[in-house]
Amino acid sequence: TTTKFNLAGDINNLDEATTDVIATLKGFKLQADDVVSVTDKMNTVSNEYALSAQDIATIVRQNSAAMKAAGNDINEAIALGTVAQEVQQNASKVGTALKTISQRLRGVKTDGEEINPTLRKEVMEYANGFDILKDDGSFKSTYEIFKGIGKEWNNMTSMQQAKLGQDLFGKQNLVTGYAILQNVDKLDKVMKSLGESSGSVDKEFSRYLDSTSAKLVQLKDSIAQ
């Protein structure tokens, strides 16, 4: 399956592709049987959005365990990574940033930066009452938090955006955080694509084989002439 993914997704390094997919499966505690579904999802976003299959594989490999711990599923992690990468065009930075952001939003201190102890109150004040906690007191997923704040982002003043962005993401991850909040509507579009991704790698691999076969026929014909 990873060989097909390698060819269908225009990935140049099979070993790297295999490593990324395995790490993603482990990070999200998925089974080996899920490899087809995961590669279909990665291939689909690479076809429909401004990033490569290797980009999204790198992003999700870097943050899979942290994103899982923060309550996100594989679709949510891919959607966040896709929207950020389209803007930032640096898969390694996006992957690391989302890992850090997912921890910060749950109050975990990272990179030596202090967490604002009144973050929940601040979000509720600036984001029209949106709560980063569920009714049972546990944290909402990173995806849910981005969606909730993103809906109110354009209603905030520039000063509120600057203050909240700093407290949510930390200095090192502002670009990634802003990229998602400013394009939050695209998350739904990516999620829809992921829901329709089944069979993506096989379909593209078949087209690859058809194309290769056609080229061989053309080559034989030209030699025979």
N, C-alpha and C. Protein backbone atom coordinates (compact mmCIF):
# COMPACT_ATOMS: atom_id res chain seq x y z
N THR A 1 0.82 -1.21 0.00
CA THR A 1 0.00 0.00 0.00
C THR A 1 0.85 1.25 0.00
N THR A 2 1.94 1.27 0.80
CA THR A 2 2.80 2.45 0.82
C THR A 2 3.52 2.64 -0.51
N THR A 3 3.77 1.51 -1.23
CA THR A 3 4.38 1.63 -2.56
C THR A 3 3.41 2.34 -3.50
N LYS A 4 2.14 1.95 -3.47
CA LYS A 4 1.13 2.62 -4.27
C LYS A 4 1.03 4.09 -3.89
N PHE A 5 1.03 4.35 -2.58
CA PHE A 5 0.95 5.72 -2.07
C PHE A 5 2.14 6.53 -2.56
N ASN A 6 3.30 5.89 -2.55
CA ASN A 6 4.53 6.55 -3.01
C ASN A 6 4.40 7.01 -4.46
N LEU A 7 3.84 6.16 -5.29
CA LEU A 7 3.70 6.48 -6.71
C LEU A 7 2.51 7.42 -6.97
N ALA A 8 1.38 7.11 -6.35
CA ALA A 8 0.18 7.93 -6.55
C ALA A 8 0.36 9.33 -6.00
N GLY A 9 1.06 9.44 -4.87
CA GLY A 9 1.23 10.74 -4.23
C GLY A 9 2.48 11.48 -4.64
N ASP A 10 3.20 10.98 -5.65
CA ASP A 10 4.43 11.63 -6.12
C ASP A 10 5.44 11.83 -5.00
N ILE A 11 5.57 10.81 -4.15
CA ILE A 11 6.55 10.85 -3.07
C ILE A 11 7.83 10.19 -3.58
N ASN A 12 8.95 10.86 -3.37
CA ASN A 12 10.21 10.39 -3.94
C ASN A 12 10.93 9.34 -3.10
N ASN A 13 10.62 9.30 -1.81
CA ASN A 13 11.35 8.42 -0.91
C ASN A 13 10.39 7.42 -0.27
N LEU A 14 10.44 6.17 -0.72
CA LEU A 14 9.53 5.14 -0.21
C LEU A 14 9.76 4.88 1.26
N ASP A 15 11.02 4.83 1.69
CA ASP A 15 11.33 4.57 3.10
C ASP A 15 10.73 5.66 3.99
N GLU A 16 10.85 6.90 3.55
CA GLU A 16 10.31 8.01 4.34
C GLU A 16 8.78 7.95 4.39
N ALA A 17 8.17 7.63 3.26
CA ALA A 17 6.71 7.52 3.23
C ALA A 17 6.23 6.42 4.17
N THR A 18 6.93 5.29 4.15
CA THR A 18 6.57 4.17 5.02
C THR A 18 6.72 4.55 6.48
N THR A 19 7.82 5.21 6.82
CA THR A 19 8.06 5.65 8.20
C THR A 19 6.98 6.61 8.66
N ASP A 20 6.60 7.56 7.81
CA ASP A 20 5.57 8.54 8.16
C ASP A 20 4.23 7.87 8.43
N VAL A 21 3.86 6.94 7.57
CA VAL A 21 2.56 6.28 7.72
C VAL A 21 2.54 5.42 8.98
N ILE A 22 3.61 4.68 9.25
CA ILE A 22 3.68 3.84 10.44
C ILE A 22 3.60 4.69 11.71
N ALA A 23 4.33 5.80 11.71
CA ALA A 23 4.32 6.69 12.88
C ALA A 23 2.93 7.28 13.10
N THR A 24 2.25 7.59 12.02
CA THR A 24 0.89 8.12 12.12
C THR A 24 -0.07 7.09 12.70
N LEU A 25 0.03 5.85 12.23
CA LEU A 25 -0.81 4.77 12.76
C LEU A 25 -0.58 4.59 14.25
N LYS A 26 0.69 4.58 14.66
CA LYS A 26 1.02 4.39 16.07
C LYS A 26 0.54 5.58 16.91
N GLY A 27 0.76 6.80 16.39
CA GLY A 27 0.39 7.99 17.14
C GLY A 27 -1.10 8.07 17.42
N PHE A 28 -1.90 7.65 16.44
CA PHE A 28 -3.36 7.68 16.61
C PHE A 28 -3.93 6.36 17.09
N LYS A 29 -3.02 5.42 17.43
CA LYS A 29 -3.42 4.11 17.94
C LYS A 29 -4.36 3.39 16.96
N LEU A 30 -4.01 3.47 15.69
CA LEU A 30 -4.77 2.80 14.65
C LEU A 30 -4.17 1.43 14.36
N GLN A 31 -4.92 0.59 13.66
CA GLN A 31 -4.46 -0.75 13.34
C GLN A 31 -3.80 -0.78 11.96
N ALA A 32 -3.07 -1.84 11.69
CA ALA A 32 -2.40 -1.98 10.40
C ALA A 32 -3.41 -1.93 9.25
N ASP A 33 -4.61 -2.44 9.50
CA ASP A 33 -5.65 -2.44 8.46
C ASP A 33 -6.06 -1.02 8.07
N ASP A 34 -5.75 -0.04 8.93
CA ASP A 34 -6.16 1.34 8.66
C ASP A 34 -5.21 2.05 7.70
N VAL A 35 -4.13 1.38 7.30
CA VAL A 35 -3.14 2.04 6.44
C VAL A 35 -3.75 2.51 5.12
N VAL A 36 -4.66 1.73 4.57
CA VAL A 36 -5.29 2.11 3.30
C VAL A 36 -6.09 3.40 3.47
N SER A 37 -6.87 3.46 4.53
CA SER A 37 -7.68 4.65 4.79
C SER A 37 -6.81 5.89 5.00
N VAL A 38 -5.73 5.73 5.77
CA VAL A 38 -4.84 6.86 6.07
C VAL A 38 -4.17 7.38 4.80
N THR A 39 -3.66 6.48 3.97
CA THR A 39 -2.99 6.92 2.75
C THR A 39 -3.99 7.51 1.75
N ASP A 40 -5.22 6.99 1.74
CA ASP A 40 -6.26 7.59 0.90
C ASP A 40 -6.50 9.05 1.30
N LYS A 41 -6.56 9.29 2.59
CA LYS A 41 -6.81 10.65 3.10
C LYS A 41 -5.66 11.59 2.71
N MET A 42 -4.43 11.13 2.90
CA MET A 42 -3.27 11.97 2.58
C MET A 42 -3.19 12.25 1.08
N ASN A 43 -3.48 11.23 0.29
CA ASN A 43 -3.43 11.40 -1.16
C ASN A 43 -4.51 12.37 -1.64
N THR A 44 -5.69 12.28 -1.03
CA THR A 44 -6.80 13.14 -1.42
C THR A 44 -6.48 14.62 -1.18
N VAL A 45 -5.98 14.95 0.00
CA VAL A 45 -5.69 16.38 0.26
C VAL A 45 -4.56 16.89 -0.62
N SER A 46 -3.63 16.01 -0.97
CA SER A 46 -2.54 16.43 -1.84
C SER A 46 -3.05 16.73 -3.26
N ASN A 47 -4.12 16.06 -3.65
CA ASN A 47 -4.71 16.29 -4.97
C ASN A 47 -5.59 17.53 -5.02
N GLU A 48 -6.22 17.85 -3.89
CA GLU A 48 -7.24 18.90 -3.90
C GLU A 48 -6.80 20.22 -3.27
N TYR A 49 -5.66 20.22 -2.58
CA TYR A 49 -5.22 21.44 -1.91
C TYR A 49 -3.74 21.70 -2.20
N ALA A 50 -3.28 22.89 -1.82
CA ALA A 50 -1.93 23.33 -2.20
C ALA A 50 -0.85 22.78 -1.26
N LEU A 51 -0.71 21.47 -1.28
CA LEU A 51 0.35 20.81 -0.53
C LEU A 51 0.58 19.44 -1.15
N SER A 52 1.72 18.84 -0.84
CA SER A 52 2.03 17.52 -1.39
C SER A 52 1.65 16.43 -0.39
N ALA A 53 1.62 15.19 -0.89
CA ALA A 53 1.36 14.06 0.00
C ALA A 53 2.47 13.95 1.04
N GLN A 54 3.70 14.26 0.63
CA GLN A 54 4.81 14.22 1.59
C GLN A 54 4.65 15.28 2.67
N ASP A 55 4.12 16.46 2.29
CA ASP A 55 3.89 17.53 3.27
C ASP A 55 2.96 17.05 4.38
N ILE A 56 1.80 16.52 4.00
CA ILE A 56 0.83 16.14 5.03
C ILE A 56 1.31 14.93 5.80
N ALA A 57 2.05 14.04 5.15
CA ALA A 57 2.61 12.88 5.87
C ALA A 57 3.60 13.35 6.93
N THR A 58 4.42 14.32 6.59
CA THR A 58 5.40 14.87 7.54
C THR A 58 4.71 15.56 8.70
N ILE A 59 3.71 16.37 8.39
CA ILE A 59 2.99 17.12 9.43
C ILE A 59 2.34 16.17 10.44
N VAL A 60 1.61 15.19 9.94
CA VAL A 60 0.86 14.30 10.84
C VAL A 60 1.80 13.38 11.60
N ARG A 61 2.90 12.96 10.96
CA ARG A 61 3.88 12.13 11.68
C ARG A 61 4.42 12.88 12.89
N GLN A 62 4.70 14.16 12.73
CA GLN A 62 5.32 14.93 13.80
C GLN A 62 4.39 15.18 14.99
N ASN A 63 3.10 15.24 14.73
CA ASN A 63 2.21 15.62 15.83
C ASN A 63 1.14 14.60 16.18
N SER A 64 1.20 13.41 15.58
CA SER A 64 0.10 12.44 15.75
C SER A 64 -0.19 12.11 17.21
N ALA A 65 0.83 11.80 17.98
CA ALA A 65 0.61 11.41 19.37
C ALA A 65 0.03 12.56 20.19
N ALA A 66 0.58 13.76 19.99
CA ALA A 66 0.10 14.93 20.72
C ALA A 66 -1.33 15.29 20.32
N MET A 67 -1.62 15.21 19.03
CA MET A 67 -2.97 15.53 18.57
C MET A 67 -3.99 14.52 19.08
N LYS A 68 -3.60 13.25 19.11
CA LYS A 68 -4.46 12.22 19.67
C LYS A 68 -4.73 12.49 21.15
N ALA A 69 -3.69 12.84 21.89
CA ALA A 69 -3.83 13.13 23.32
C ALA A 69 -4.73 14.33 23.56
N ALA A 70 -4.77 15.23 22.58
CA ALA A 70 -5.58 16.44 22.72
C ALA A 70 -7.00 16.24 22.19
N GLY A 71 -7.36 14.98 21.92
CA GLY A 71 -8.75 14.67 21.56
C GLY A 71 -9.10 14.75 20.10
N ASN A 72 -8.10 14.88 19.24
CA ASN A 72 -8.36 14.97 17.80
C ASN A 72 -8.31 13.59 17.16
N ASP A 73 -9.12 13.38 16.12
CA ASP A 73 -8.99 12.15 15.35
C ASP A 73 -8.11 12.43 14.13
N ILE A 74 -7.85 11.42 13.34
CA ILE A 74 -6.94 11.55 12.21
C ILE A 74 -7.45 12.57 11.19
N ASN A 75 -8.76 12.61 10.96
CA ASN A 75 -9.32 13.58 10.02
C ASN A 75 -9.11 15.01 10.49
N GLU A 76 -9.33 15.24 11.77
CA GLU A 76 -9.17 16.59 12.31
C GLU A 76 -7.71 17.04 12.22
N ALA A 77 -6.80 16.12 12.51
CA ALA A 77 -5.37 16.46 12.44
C ALA A 77 -4.95 16.79 11.00
N ILE A 78 -5.44 15.99 10.05
CA ILE A 78 -5.11 16.24 8.64
C ILE A 78 -5.73 17.56 8.18
N ALA A 79 -6.95 17.84 8.59
CA ALA A 79 -7.61 19.09 8.19
C ALA A 79 -6.85 20.31 8.70
N LEU A 80 -6.47 20.29 9.97
CA LEU A 80 -5.72 21.41 10.53
C LEU A 80 -4.37 21.57 9.82
N GLY A 81 -3.69 20.47 9.59
CA GLY A 81 -2.40 20.51 8.90
C GLY A 81 -2.52 21.01 7.48
N THR A 82 -3.57 20.61 6.80
CA THR A 82 -3.78 21.02 5.41
C THR A 82 -4.00 22.52 5.30
N VAL A 83 -4.89 23.05 6.13
CA VAL A 83 -5.21 24.48 6.08
C VAL A 83 -3.98 25.32 6.44
N ALA A 84 -3.22 24.90 7.43
CA ALA A 84 -2.02 25.65 7.82
C ALA A 84 -0.95 25.57 6.74
N GLN A 85 -0.74 24.40 6.17
CA GLN A 85 0.32 24.22 5.18
C GLN A 85 0.04 24.98 3.89
N GLU A 86 -1.20 25.11 3.52
CA GLU A 86 -1.54 25.87 2.32
C GLU A 86 -1.02 27.30 2.42
N VAL A 87 -1.04 27.85 3.62
CA VAL A 87 -0.58 29.22 3.83
C VAL A 87 0.91 29.27 4.11
N GLN A 88 1.38 28.41 5.00
CA GLN A 88 2.74 28.51 5.51
C GLN A 88 3.79 27.86 4.60
N GLN A 89 3.41 26.79 3.92
CA GLN A 89 4.30 26.09 3.00
C GLN A 89 5.63 25.68 3.65
N ASN A 90 5.52 25.16 4.87
CA ASN A 90 6.69 24.62 5.57
C ASN A 90 6.19 23.49 6.48
N ALA A 91 6.20 22.27 5.94
CA ALA A 91 5.58 21.14 6.62
C ALA A 91 6.18 20.87 7.99
N SER A 92 7.49 20.95 8.09
CA SER A 92 8.15 20.67 9.36
C SER A 92 7.72 21.66 10.45
N LYS A 93 7.65 22.94 10.09
CA LYS A 93 7.24 23.95 11.06
C LYS A 93 5.77 23.81 11.44
N VAL A 94 4.95 23.50 10.45
CA VAL A 94 3.53 23.32 10.72
C VAL A 94 3.31 22.13 11.65
N GLY A 95 4.00 21.03 11.38
CA GLY A 95 3.87 19.84 12.22
C GLY A 95 4.26 20.11 13.66
N THR A 96 5.39 20.77 13.83
CA THR A 96 5.87 21.10 15.19
C THR A 96 4.94 22.09 15.87
N ALA A 97 4.49 23.09 15.12
CA ALA A 97 3.62 24.12 15.70
C ALA A 97 2.30 23.53 16.18
N LEU A 98 1.70 22.66 15.39
CA LEU A 98 0.43 22.06 15.79
C LEU A 98 0.59 21.15 17.01
N LYS A 99 1.72 20.49 17.09
CA LYS A 99 2.02 19.68 18.27
C LYS A 99 2.05 20.57 19.51
N THR A 100 2.78 21.68 19.42
CA THR A 100 2.91 22.60 20.54
C THR A 100 1.58 23.26 20.88
N ILE A 101 0.86 23.72 19.85
CA ILE A 101 -0.43 24.38 20.08
C ILE A 101 -1.42 23.44 20.76
N SER A 102 -1.45 22.19 20.33
CA SER A 102 -2.39 21.23 20.92
C SER A 102 -2.12 21.06 22.42
N GLN A 103 -0.86 21.19 22.80
CA GLN A 103 -0.50 21.09 24.22
C GLN A 103 -0.81 22.38 24.97
N ARG A 104 -0.49 23.51 24.37
CA ARG A 104 -0.74 24.81 25.02
C ARG A 104 -2.23 25.00 25.30
N LEU A 105 -3.07 24.60 24.37
CA LEU A 105 -4.51 24.80 24.55
C LEU A 105 -5.07 24.00 25.71
N ARG A 106 -4.31 23.02 26.15
CA ARG A 106 -4.71 22.21 27.30
C ARG A 106 -3.94 22.59 28.55
N GLY A 107 -3.21 23.71 28.46
CA GLY A 107 -2.51 24.21 29.64
C GLY A 107 -1.18 23.56 29.91
N VAL A 108 -0.61 22.86 28.91
CA VAL A 108 0.69 22.22 29.08
C VAL A 108 1.78 23.20 28.69
N LYS A 109 2.71 23.49 29.57
CA LYS A 109 3.78 24.43 29.30
C LYS A 109 4.75 23.84 28.28
N THR A 110 5.06 24.61 27.22
CA THR A 110 5.97 24.14 26.18
C THR A 110 6.98 25.21 25.82
N ASP A 111 8.14 24.78 25.34
CA ASP A 111 9.17 25.71 24.85
C ASP A 111 9.53 26.80 25.85
N GLY A 112 9.32 26.53 27.13
CA GLY A 112 9.69 27.51 28.15
C GLY A 112 8.76 28.70 28.24
N GLU A 113 7.70 28.72 27.44
CA GLU A 113 6.78 29.86 27.46
C GLU A 113 5.66 29.62 28.47
N GLU A 114 5.34 30.66 29.22
CA GLU A 114 4.31 30.55 30.23
C GLU A 114 2.92 30.48 29.59
N ILE A 115 2.03 29.73 30.22
CA ILE A 115 0.65 29.63 29.78
C ILE A 115 -0.19 30.63 30.57
N ASN A 116 -1.03 31.37 29.87
CA ASN A 116 -1.90 32.32 30.54
C ASN A 116 -2.92 31.56 31.38
N PRO A 117 -2.88 31.71 32.72
CA PRO A 117 -3.78 30.93 33.59
C PRO A 117 -5.25 31.31 33.41
N THR A 118 -5.51 32.48 32.79
CA THR A 118 -6.89 32.91 32.60
C THR A 118 -7.32 32.77 31.13
N LEU A 119 -6.69 31.83 30.41
CA LEU A 119 -6.96 31.67 28.98
C LEU A 119 -8.43 31.36 28.70
N ARG A 120 -9.01 30.48 29.49
CA ARG A 120 -10.41 30.12 29.27
C ARG A 120 -11.32 31.35 29.36
N LYS A 121 -11.09 32.15 30.39
CA LYS A 121 -11.89 33.36 30.58
C LYS A 121 -11.68 34.34 29.43
N GLU A 122 -10.44 34.45 29.00
CA GLU A 122 -10.10 35.37 27.90
C GLU A 122 -10.79 34.96 26.60
N VAL A 123 -10.75 33.67 26.31
CA VAL A 123 -11.41 33.17 25.10
C VAL A 123 -12.90 33.44 25.16
N MET A 124 -13.52 33.18 26.28
CA MET A 124 -14.96 33.40 26.42
C MET A 124 -15.30 34.88 26.24
N GLU A 125 -14.45 35.75 26.73
CA GLU A 125 -14.69 37.19 26.61
C GLU A 125 -14.56 37.67 25.17
N TYR A 126 -13.50 37.20 24.48
CA TYR A 126 -13.22 37.68 23.13
C TYR A 126 -14.02 36.93 22.05
N ALA A 127 -14.36 35.66 22.31
CA ALA A 127 -14.98 34.82 21.29
C ALA A 127 -16.47 34.59 21.56
N ASN A 128 -17.12 35.60 22.05
CA ASN A 128 -18.58 35.59 22.19
C ASN A 128 -19.09 34.42 23.02
N GLY A 129 -18.38 34.15 24.13
CA GLY A 129 -18.84 33.13 25.07
C GLY A 129 -18.40 31.72 24.76
N PHE A 130 -17.61 31.54 23.70
CA PHE A 130 -17.14 30.17 23.38
C PHE A 130 -16.28 29.63 24.52
N ASP A 131 -16.54 28.38 24.90
CA ASP A 131 -15.82 27.75 26.00
C ASP A 131 -14.89 26.66 25.46
N ILE A 132 -13.62 26.70 25.88
CA ILE A 132 -12.67 25.68 25.42
C ILE A 132 -12.85 24.36 26.18
N LEU A 133 -13.73 24.37 27.18
CA LEU A 133 -14.02 23.15 27.94
C LEU A 133 -15.39 22.59 27.58
N LYS A 134 -15.52 21.28 27.70
CA LYS A 134 -16.81 20.62 27.52
C LYS A 134 -17.62 20.76 28.80
N ASP A 135 -18.85 20.31 28.75
CA ASP A 135 -19.73 20.40 29.92
C ASP A 135 -19.18 19.59 31.10
N ASP A 136 -18.42 18.51 30.79
CA ASP A 136 -17.88 17.69 31.87
C ASP A 136 -16.56 18.22 32.42
N GLY A 137 -16.12 19.37 31.90
CA GLY A 137 -14.90 20.00 32.42
C GLY A 137 -13.62 19.59 31.69
N SER A 138 -13.72 18.65 30.75
CA SER A 138 -12.55 18.26 29.97
C SER A 138 -12.38 19.21 28.79
N PHE A 139 -11.17 19.23 28.22
CA PHE A 139 -10.90 20.14 27.11
C PHE A 139 -11.53 19.64 25.81
N LYS A 140 -12.04 20.57 25.03
CA LYS A 140 -12.46 20.25 23.68
C LYS A 140 -11.22 19.94 22.84
N SER A 141 -11.40 19.30 21.71
CA SER A 141 -10.26 18.97 20.86
C SER A 141 -9.66 20.24 20.26
N THR A 142 -8.42 20.14 19.81
CA THR A 142 -7.76 21.27 19.15
C THR A 142 -8.61 21.76 17.99
N TYR A 143 -9.12 20.83 17.22
CA TYR A 143 -9.96 21.15 16.06
C TYR A 143 -11.20 21.93 16.50
N GLU A 144 -11.88 21.46 17.53
CA GLU A 144 -13.09 22.12 18.00
C GLU A 144 -12.79 23.53 18.51
N ILE A 145 -11.64 23.68 19.17
CA ILE A 145 -11.26 24.99 19.69
C ILE A 145 -10.96 25.97 18.56
N PHE A 146 -10.24 25.52 17.56
CA PHE A 146 -9.97 26.38 16.40
C PHE A 146 -11.28 26.79 15.73
N LYS A 147 -12.19 25.82 15.57
CA LYS A 147 -13.47 26.12 14.93
C LYS A 147 -14.28 27.15 15.73
N GLY A 148 -14.33 26.95 17.03
CA GLY A 148 -15.10 27.84 17.88
C GLY A 148 -14.57 29.26 17.91
N ILE A 149 -13.26 29.39 18.06
CA ILE A 149 -12.64 30.72 18.09
C ILE A 149 -12.66 31.34 16.69
N GLY A 150 -12.43 30.50 15.68
CA GLY A 150 -12.38 31.00 14.31
C GLY A 150 -13.68 31.65 13.85
N LYS A 151 -14.79 31.15 14.33
CA LYS A 151 -16.09 31.72 13.94
C LYS A 151 -16.24 33.16 14.40
N GLU A 152 -15.54 33.51 15.48
CA GLU A 152 -15.65 34.86 16.04
C GLU A 152 -14.41 35.71 15.75
N TRP A 153 -13.43 35.14 15.06
CA TRP A 153 -12.14 35.81 14.88
C TRP A 153 -12.29 37.18 14.20
N ASN A 154 -13.06 37.27 13.16
CA ASN A 154 -13.19 38.52 12.42
C ASN A 154 -14.03 39.56 13.15
N ASN A 155 -14.68 39.16 14.22
CA ASN A 155 -15.45 40.10 15.03
C ASN A 155 -14.62 40.74 16.13
N MET A 156 -13.39 40.26 16.30
CA MET A 156 -12.50 40.80 17.33
C MET A 156 -11.74 42.01 16.80
N THR A 157 -11.32 42.87 17.71
CA THR A 157 -10.46 43.99 17.33
C THR A 157 -9.06 43.45 17.07
N SER A 158 -8.24 44.23 16.38
CA SER A 158 -6.86 43.79 16.11
C SER A 158 -6.08 43.59 17.40
N MET A 159 -6.37 44.39 18.41
CA MET A 159 -5.69 44.24 19.71
C MET A 159 -6.12 42.95 20.39
N GLN A 160 -7.39 42.62 20.31
CA GLN A 160 -7.87 41.37 20.90
C GLN A 160 -7.26 40.17 20.18
N GLN A 161 -7.19 40.24 18.86
CA GLN A 161 -6.59 39.16 18.09
C GLN A 161 -5.13 38.96 18.48
N ALA A 162 -4.40 40.06 18.62
CA ALA A 162 -2.97 39.98 18.97
C ALA A 162 -2.79 39.37 20.36
N LYS A 163 -3.60 39.82 21.31
CA LYS A 163 -3.49 39.32 22.69
C LYS A 163 -3.87 37.84 22.75
N LEU A 164 -4.98 37.49 22.13
CA LEU A 164 -5.45 36.11 22.18
C LEU A 164 -4.51 35.19 21.42
N GLY A 165 -4.03 35.64 20.27
CA GLY A 165 -3.10 34.82 19.48
C GLY A 165 -1.85 34.49 20.26
N GLN A 166 -1.30 35.48 20.94
CA GLN A 166 -0.10 35.28 21.75
C GLN A 166 -0.36 34.26 22.85
N ASP A 167 -1.49 34.39 23.51
CA ASP A 167 -1.81 33.50 24.63
C ASP A 167 -2.17 32.08 24.17
N LEU A 168 -2.81 31.98 23.03
CA LEU A 168 -3.19 30.66 22.52
C LEU A 168 -2.00 29.88 21.97
N PHE A 169 -1.17 30.57 21.19
CA PHE A 169 -0.17 29.87 20.38
C PHE A 169 1.28 30.06 20.82
N GLY A 170 1.59 31.14 21.54
CA GLY A 170 2.97 31.43 21.86
C GLY A 170 3.65 32.10 20.67
N LYS A 171 4.75 32.78 20.91
CA LYS A 171 5.42 33.57 19.86
C LYS A 171 5.85 32.72 18.67
N GLN A 172 6.33 31.51 18.93
CA GLN A 172 6.92 30.69 17.87
C GLN A 172 5.88 30.12 16.90
N ASN A 173 4.63 30.11 17.30
CA ASN A 173 3.61 29.40 16.51
C ASN A 173 2.49 30.30 16.00
N LEU A 174 2.71 31.60 16.05
CA LEU A 174 1.67 32.55 15.65
C LEU A 174 1.27 32.38 14.19
N VAL A 175 2.25 32.19 13.31
CA VAL A 175 1.96 32.09 11.88
C VAL A 175 1.01 30.92 11.61
N THR A 176 1.31 29.79 12.23
CA THR A 176 0.46 28.60 12.03
C THR A 176 -0.94 28.82 12.60
N GLY A 177 -1.01 29.36 13.81
CA GLY A 177 -2.30 29.60 14.43
C GLY A 177 -3.15 30.58 13.64
N TYR A 178 -2.54 31.67 13.21
CA TYR A 178 -3.27 32.66 12.42
C TYR A 178 -3.71 32.10 11.08
N ALA A 179 -2.86 31.27 10.46
CA ALA A 179 -3.20 30.68 9.17
C ALA A 179 -4.50 29.90 9.24
N ILE A 180 -4.70 29.18 10.35
CA ILE A 180 -5.92 28.39 10.51
C ILE A 180 -7.11 29.27 10.87
N LEU A 181 -6.93 30.18 11.82
CA LEU A 181 -8.04 31.03 12.25
C LEU A 181 -8.56 31.91 11.11
N GLN A 182 -7.66 32.38 10.26
CA GLN A 182 -8.05 33.25 9.16
C GLN A 182 -8.68 32.47 8.00
N ASN A 183 -8.55 31.16 8.03
CA ASN A 183 -9.13 30.31 6.98
C ASN A 183 -9.97 29.19 7.57
N VAL A 184 -10.59 29.47 8.69
CA VAL A 184 -11.27 28.42 9.46
C VAL A 184 -12.41 27.77 8.66
N ASP A 185 -13.02 28.52 7.74
CA ASP A 185 -14.12 27.94 6.96
C ASP A 185 -13.64 26.80 6.06
N LYS A 186 -12.35 26.81 5.72
CA LYS A 186 -11.82 25.77 4.85
C LYS A 186 -11.74 24.42 5.56
N LEU A 187 -11.76 24.42 6.89
CA LEU A 187 -11.70 23.16 7.63
C LEU A 187 -12.86 22.25 7.25
N ASP A 188 -14.05 22.82 7.12
CA ASP A 188 -15.21 22.01 6.74
C ASP A 188 -15.03 21.42 5.35
N LYS A 189 -14.46 22.20 4.45
CA LYS A 189 -14.23 21.73 3.08
C LYS A 189 -13.27 20.55 3.06
N VAL A 190 -12.19 20.67 3.85
CA VAL A 190 -11.21 19.58 3.91
C VAL A 190 -11.83 18.33 4.53
N MET A 191 -12.61 18.52 5.57
CA MET A 191 -13.27 17.38 6.22
C MET A 191 -14.21 16.66 5.24
N LYS A 192 -14.88 17.42 4.40
CA LYS A 192 -15.75 16.82 3.39
C LYS A 192 -14.92 15.99 2.40
N SER A 193 -13.78 16.53 1.99
CA SER A 193 -12.89 15.80 1.09
C SER A 193 -12.42 14.50 1.72
N LEU A 194 -12.08 14.55 2.99
CA LEU A 194 -11.61 13.36 3.70
C LEU A 194 -12.70 12.30 3.80
N GLY A 195 -13.93 12.76 3.95
CA GLY A 195 -15.04 11.83 4.04
C GLY A 195 -15.31 11.11 2.72
N GLU A 196 -14.78 11.67 1.64
CA GLU A 196 -14.99 11.09 0.31
C GLU A 196 -13.69 10.52 -0.27
N SER A 197 -12.73 10.23 0.60
CA SER A 197 -11.38 9.87 0.13
C SER A 197 -11.18 8.38 -0.15
N SER A 198 -12.12 7.56 0.24
CA SER A 198 -11.95 6.11 0.09
C SER A 198 -11.62 5.71 -1.35
N GLY A 199 -10.56 4.92 -1.52
CA GLY A 199 -10.17 4.45 -2.84
C GLY A 199 -9.28 5.39 -3.62
N SER A 200 -8.91 6.50 -3.02
CA SER A 200 -8.14 7.52 -3.73
C SER A 200 -6.82 7.00 -4.28
N VAL A 201 -6.06 6.28 -3.43
CA VAL A 201 -4.74 5.78 -3.86
C VAL A 201 -4.89 4.75 -4.98
N ASP A 202 -5.82 3.81 -4.83
CA ASP A 202 -6.01 2.79 -5.86
C ASP A 202 -6.41 3.39 -7.20
N LYS A 203 -7.31 4.39 -7.16
CA LYS A 203 -7.74 5.03 -8.40
C LYS A 203 -6.56 5.72 -9.08
N GLU A 204 -5.76 6.43 -8.30
CA GLU A 204 -4.65 7.16 -8.89
C GLU A 204 -3.54 6.21 -9.35
N PHE A 205 -3.35 5.14 -8.59
CA PHE A 205 -2.35 4.15 -8.98
C PHE A 205 -2.76 3.48 -10.30
N SER A 206 -4.05 3.25 -10.46
CA SER A 206 -4.54 2.66 -11.71
C SER A 206 -4.27 3.60 -12.88
N ARG A 207 -4.48 4.90 -12.65
CA ARG A 207 -4.20 5.87 -13.70
C ARG A 207 -2.71 5.90 -14.02
N TYR A 208 -1.89 5.73 -12.98
CA TYR A 208 -0.44 5.70 -13.17
C TYR A 208 -0.05 4.50 -14.03
N LEU A 209 -0.65 3.34 -13.74
CA LEU A 209 -0.34 2.14 -14.51
C LEU A 209 -0.82 2.28 -15.96
N ASP A 210 -2.01 2.86 -16.14
CA ASP A 210 -2.54 3.06 -17.48
C ASP A 210 -1.63 3.99 -18.27
N SER A 211 -1.17 5.04 -17.62
CA SER A 211 -0.28 5.99 -18.27
C SER A 211 1.04 5.34 -18.65
N THR A 212 1.58 4.53 -17.72
CA THR A 212 2.84 3.84 -17.98
C THR A 212 2.70 2.86 -19.14
N SER A 213 1.59 2.12 -19.13
CA SER A 213 1.35 1.14 -20.21
C SER A 213 1.23 1.85 -21.56
N ALA A 214 0.54 2.97 -21.57
CA ALA A 214 0.37 3.73 -22.81
C ALA A 214 1.72 4.22 -23.35
N LYS A 215 2.57 4.66 -22.43
CA LYS A 215 3.89 5.15 -22.84
C LYS A 215 4.74 4.01 -23.41
N LEU A 216 4.62 2.81 -22.83
CA LEU A 216 5.38 1.66 -23.32
C LEU A 216 4.91 1.26 -24.73
N VAL A 217 3.58 1.31 -24.94
CA VAL A 217 3.03 0.99 -26.26
C VAL A 217 3.55 1.99 -27.29
N GLN A 218 3.55 3.26 -26.91
CA GLN A 218 4.04 4.30 -27.82
C GLN A 218 5.51 4.09 -28.15
N LEU A 219 6.28 3.70 -27.12
CA LEU A 219 7.71 3.46 -27.31
C LEU A 219 7.94 2.30 -28.27
N LYS A 220 7.18 1.21 -28.07
CA LYS A 220 7.33 0.03 -28.95
C LYS A 220 6.96 0.38 -30.38
N ASP A 221 5.89 1.19 -30.54
CA ASP A 221 5.46 1.58 -31.88
C ASP A 221 6.52 2.41 -32.58
N SER A 222 7.14 3.32 -31.84
CA SER A 222 8.15 4.19 -32.44
C SER A 222 9.40 3.40 -32.82
N ILE A 223 9.72 2.37 -32.03
CA ILE A 223 10.88 1.53 -32.32
C ILE A 223 10.62 0.67 -33.56
N ALA A 224 9.38 0.21 -33.68
CA ALA A 224 9.02 -0.67 -34.79
C ALA A 224 8.98 0.05 -36.13
N GLN A 225 8.80 1.36 -36.06
CA GLN A 225 8.68 2.13 -37.32
C GLN A 225 10.04 2.25 -38.05
